[in-house]
Amino acid sequence: MLLYLNDIFIYLMMKPFFFSPVQICLSTLLSLAALPAFAQVCTGQVISTPEGMHEVQDESLLKATLGEPGKGSLCTAKVFEVDKPVRLFRVYNAAQPASLYGRWWSLQVPVGPRTQYAAENAICPEWSPLNAAATCTLKPGVRVVIGPGQSAQCASGEVLPASATNQVYVANDARAQKTLVDNCSEPLVWP
């Protein structure tokens, strides 16, 4: 069926002056309907500039955070630089203490239940059991990327759709002892 729809779409594109915008729109919708569920467009928008930050241009950092449909990361995003300390929240794997300094954070206090939080943030179960939470402060001068989550296809075959929830990407690298956050709270069992 997809091949047939693609043939129709190519034919329509070759004869644009003989078709009305309604016919072209219909063919586009038919083509989109044949795509896998995770290949659909972003469902959320990037939040307004958070307090304590300002928007900057950093194409390489932005590009590193945008994911393909079904692969996770962010769907659409903007880069911000921290002007003054900003509090972030993280839910992570308590069995791996270094994962406290991971890359994916939130500006909002995390609320459970765990399955709801995972769905709202497009987090596959194999990525983290989401059983600990902490807060840390972003250091001034740090650049972060903020945007809604991209869809993710989990190891089980489950497809998590793109999320409207904004996530904060912080380029921490615990293995290289590069952390862009400090003043972290003691870990708490979550939720």
Protein backbone atom coordinates (compact mmCIF):
# COMPACT_ATOMS: atom_id res chain seq x y z
CA MET A 1 0.00 0.00 0.00
CA LEU A 2 2.85 2.38 0.80
CA LEU A 3 4.36 1.89 -2.65
CA TYR A 4 0.98 2.65 -4.25
CA LEU A 5 0.58 5.84 -2.18
CA ASN A 6 4.10 6.93 -3.05
CA ASP A 7 3.33 6.41 -6.77
CA ILE A 8 0.22 8.59 -6.41
CA PHE A 9 2.17 11.24 -4.54
CA ILE A 10 4.94 11.32 -7.21
CA TYR A 11 2.31 11.53 -9.95
CA LEU A 12 0.61 14.43 -8.18
CA MET A 13 3.91 16.25 -7.76
CA MET A 14 4.63 15.89 -11.49
CA LYS A 15 1.25 17.46 -12.38
CA PRO A 16 0.78 20.18 -9.77
CA PHE A 17 -1.17 22.53 -12.03
CA PHE A 18 -3.92 19.99 -12.74
CA PHE A 19 -4.87 19.30 -9.11
CA SER A 20 -6.50 21.45 -6.51
CA PRO A 21 -4.83 22.10 -3.13
CA VAL A 22 -7.50 19.86 -1.55
CA GLN A 23 -6.46 16.89 -3.73
CA ILE A 24 -2.78 17.46 -2.97
CA CYS A 25 -3.51 17.80 0.75
CA LEU A 26 -5.51 14.55 0.68
CA SER A 27 -2.63 12.69 -0.99
CA THR A 28 -0.22 14.01 1.63
CA LEU A 29 -2.51 12.86 4.43
CA LEU A 30 -2.81 9.42 2.86
CA SER A 31 0.98 9.18 2.65
CA LEU A 32 1.35 10.19 6.31
CA ALA A 33 -1.27 7.67 7.39
CA ALA A 34 0.85 4.88 5.94
CA LEU A 35 3.87 5.81 8.07
CA PRO A 36 4.63 3.97 11.32
CA ALA A 37 3.13 5.53 14.45
CA PHE A 38 6.51 6.78 15.66
CA ALA A 39 7.24 8.66 12.42
CA GLN A 40 4.64 11.33 13.06
CA VAL A 41 5.43 14.98 13.80
CA CYS A 42 6.40 16.53 17.14
CA THR A 43 3.51 16.94 19.57
CA GLY A 44 4.93 19.65 21.80
CA GLN A 45 6.56 23.04 21.58
CA VAL A 46 9.68 24.42 23.19
CA ILE A 47 8.80 26.34 26.36
CA SER A 48 9.38 30.07 26.70
CA THR A 49 12.83 31.11 27.86
CA PRO A 50 13.21 29.80 31.42
CA GLU A 51 14.07 32.20 34.22
CA GLY A 52 17.83 32.49 34.66
CA MET A 53 18.62 31.64 31.02
CA HIS A 54 18.75 33.30 27.62
CA GLU A 55 18.47 31.75 24.16
CA VAL A 56 21.67 31.34 22.12
CA GLN A 57 22.64 29.81 18.78
CA ASP A 58 24.73 26.63 18.99
CA GLU A 59 24.03 24.42 15.98
CA SER A 60 26.41 21.60 16.97
CA LEU A 61 24.89 21.24 20.45
CA LEU A 62 21.37 21.46 19.03
CA LYS A 63 22.10 18.86 16.35
CA ALA A 64 23.51 16.45 18.98
CA THR A 65 20.17 16.41 20.82
CA LEU A 66 17.66 16.07 18.01
CA GLY A 67 16.66 12.46 17.43
CA GLU A 68 15.16 10.60 14.52
CA PRO A 69 11.62 9.28 15.01
CA GLY A 70 11.71 6.11 17.07
CA LYS A 71 15.20 6.80 18.44
CA GLY A 72 14.46 9.05 21.45
CA SER A 73 16.26 12.33 22.27
CA LEU A 74 14.41 15.58 21.42
CA CYS A 75 11.90 16.21 18.65
CA THR A 76 12.44 19.97 18.36
CA ALA A 77 14.47 22.24 20.64
CA LYS A 78 16.29 25.47 21.41
CA VAL A 79 19.65 26.13 23.05
CA PHE A 80 19.84 28.26 26.19
CA GLU A 81 22.76 29.59 28.24
CA VAL A 82 22.49 29.76 32.02
CA ASP A 83 22.83 33.29 33.50
CA LYS A 84 22.36 32.39 37.15
CA PRO A 85 22.01 29.05 38.98
CA VAL A 86 18.93 27.12 37.83
CA ARG A 87 17.47 24.18 39.76
CA LEU A 88 16.91 20.97 37.77
CA PHE A 89 15.30 17.65 38.67
CA ARG A 90 16.40 14.17 37.64
CA VAL A 91 14.91 10.70 37.98
CA TYR A 92 17.48 7.95 37.45
CA ASN A 93 18.77 4.45 38.31
CA ALA A 94 19.71 4.15 42.02
CA ALA A 95 21.84 1.04 41.27
CA GLN A 96 24.15 3.26 39.18
CA PRO A 97 25.00 6.29 41.37
CA ALA A 98 26.96 7.96 38.54
CA SER A 99 23.74 8.09 36.54
CA LEU A 100 22.69 10.95 38.85
CA TYR A 101 24.92 13.02 36.57
CA GLY A 102 23.19 11.91 33.39
CA ARG A 103 22.17 14.09 30.47
CA TRP A 104 18.36 14.19 30.67
CA TRP A 105 16.73 16.50 33.25
CA SER A 106 13.55 18.42 33.96
CA LEU A 107 12.70 21.93 35.10
CA GLN A 108 9.64 20.48 36.86
CA VAL A 109 9.40 18.39 40.03
CA PRO A 110 8.88 14.78 38.86
CA VAL A 111 5.56 13.21 39.79
CA GLY A 112 4.56 9.54 39.57
CA PRO A 113 3.44 6.97 39.07
CA ARG A 114 6.57 5.66 37.38
CA THR A 115 4.77 4.39 34.25
CA GLN A 116 3.08 7.74 33.72
CA TYR A 117 6.35 9.63 34.13
CA ALA A 118 8.08 7.26 31.67
CA ALA A 119 5.28 7.70 29.12
CA GLU A 120 5.21 11.51 29.48
CA ASN A 121 8.97 11.70 28.93
CA ALA A 122 9.28 8.89 26.31
CA ILE A 123 11.62 6.82 28.51
CA CYS A 124 11.95 3.12 27.61
CA PRO A 125 12.11 0.69 30.57
CA GLU A 126 15.56 -0.59 29.54
CA TRP A 127 17.02 2.92 29.82
CA SER A 128 16.29 3.28 33.54
CA PRO A 129 14.11 1.80 36.26
CA LEU A 130 13.40 5.39 37.40
CA ASN A 131 13.73 4.55 41.08
CA ALA A 132 15.70 7.51 42.49
CA ALA A 133 15.36 11.29 42.26
CA ALA A 134 17.54 14.27 43.06
CA THR A 135 17.86 17.96 42.32
CA CYS A 136 21.00 19.78 41.19
CA THR A 137 21.84 23.31 40.12
CA LEU A 138 23.05 24.26 36.65
CA LYS A 139 26.22 26.32 36.73
CA PRO A 140 26.19 29.80 35.13
CA GLY A 141 27.68 29.82 31.64
CA VAL A 142 26.51 26.27 30.86
CA ARG A 143 24.57 25.71 27.65
CA VAL A 144 21.59 23.35 27.68
CA VAL A 145 19.05 22.25 25.11
CA ILE A 146 15.34 22.24 25.93
CA GLY A 147 12.48 20.72 23.97
CA PRO A 148 9.79 18.05 23.81
CA GLY A 149 10.84 14.41 23.56
CA GLN A 150 11.10 12.45 20.34
CA SER A 151 9.31 9.13 19.92
CA ALA A 152 11.17 6.00 21.02
CA GLN A 153 10.96 2.36 20.05
CA CYS A 154 11.81 0.24 23.09
CA ALA A 155 13.58 -3.14 23.08
CA SER A 156 10.22 -4.84 23.76
CA GLY A 157 8.87 -3.42 20.50
CA GLU A 158 6.66 -0.92 22.34
CA VAL A 159 6.59 2.47 20.64
CA LEU A 160 6.44 5.53 22.87
CA PRO A 161 5.00 8.46 20.90
CA ALA A 162 6.65 11.86 20.73
CA SER A 163 6.07 13.70 23.98
CA ALA A 164 4.76 17.21 24.61
CA THR A 165 6.79 17.30 27.85
CA ASN A 166 9.89 19.48 27.67
CA GLN A 167 13.16 17.88 28.72
CA VAL A 168 16.49 19.52 29.47
CA TYR A 169 19.65 18.10 27.90
CA VAL A 170 22.80 18.78 29.94
CA ALA A 171 26.08 17.62 28.34
CA ASN A 172 27.30 15.87 31.52
CA ASP A 173 29.82 13.06 31.06
CA ALA A 174 30.29 11.29 34.40
CA ARG A 175 32.89 8.87 32.93
CA ALA A 176 35.11 11.80 31.97
CA GLN A 177 34.27 13.52 35.28
CA LYS A 178 32.65 16.40 33.40
CA THR A 179 29.62 17.63 35.31
CA LEU A 180 27.84 20.84 34.50
CA VAL A 181 25.67 20.69 37.63
CA ASP A 182 26.52 21.03 41.31
CA ASN A 183 24.89 21.43 44.73
CA CYS A 184 23.02 18.15 44.26
CA SER A 185 20.60 16.93 46.88
CA GLU A 186 20.82 13.55 48.55
CA PRO A 187 19.14 10.90 46.38
CA LEU A 188 15.59 9.98 47.34
CA VAL A 189 13.70 6.80 46.60
CA TRP A 190 11.21 7.64 43.85
CA PRO A 191 8.28 7.84 43.43
